[in-house]
Amino acid sequence: MDFGLSAAAAFNPKNQQTYVSSYNDSSTLLYVMNDTTDRLINRFDIGTIRSPIQTMAVNPSTNNIYLIKDGSDNLTIIDGITGQPKGEIHVDKRPTAIDIYAEHNLKYIANSDSNTISIIDGIKNEVLVGLLFNSIPAKSGNIYCMNLKDKTNNWQKMSTF
């Protein structure tokens, strides 16, 4: 299938669907493909974005799609069923990567111009904390977190960029 100028894609293993973004001068489109049948299920015009999608990810538990627009400091949330925008969250300077920790409904956004990672609460859709790094965090490795209630005091791997 020809998607035109495709910008980003994300896969939801729970429903076996792939989401592909495409754009032109007048709109941004989101295609929903069934990976089992290789058929187009739906096409949504999310034209209010009107810029290339740099990267996106889908939360398999909620079927929300998280988009980073080229040149924006916001994370856009799209309902994966209706294709309707659910809101935007200001993160930090030049977000470049998204990782989702679905078990706890957390999103990790790497912001390259500020050397930070924004951690977002997926229920409230707000930034919980920003972590500052000495170098650009995008695709730089693993995030580890210690659960202080864990009596073994072991570090738990939470996310990978």
Foldseek 3Di string as FASTA:
>chain_A
DDQAAWAEKEAQPLQQWMWIWDADQQWIKIWIARNVVRDTDDIDTPGVLRAGFNYWYAQNVQRWIWTDGPPDQWIWIARNPPRHTPDIERFDAAWHDWDAQNVQGWIWTFHQVQQWIFIARRVVRYTPDIGHDPHRPPQPFWDWDFDPVPPVRDIDTRTTD
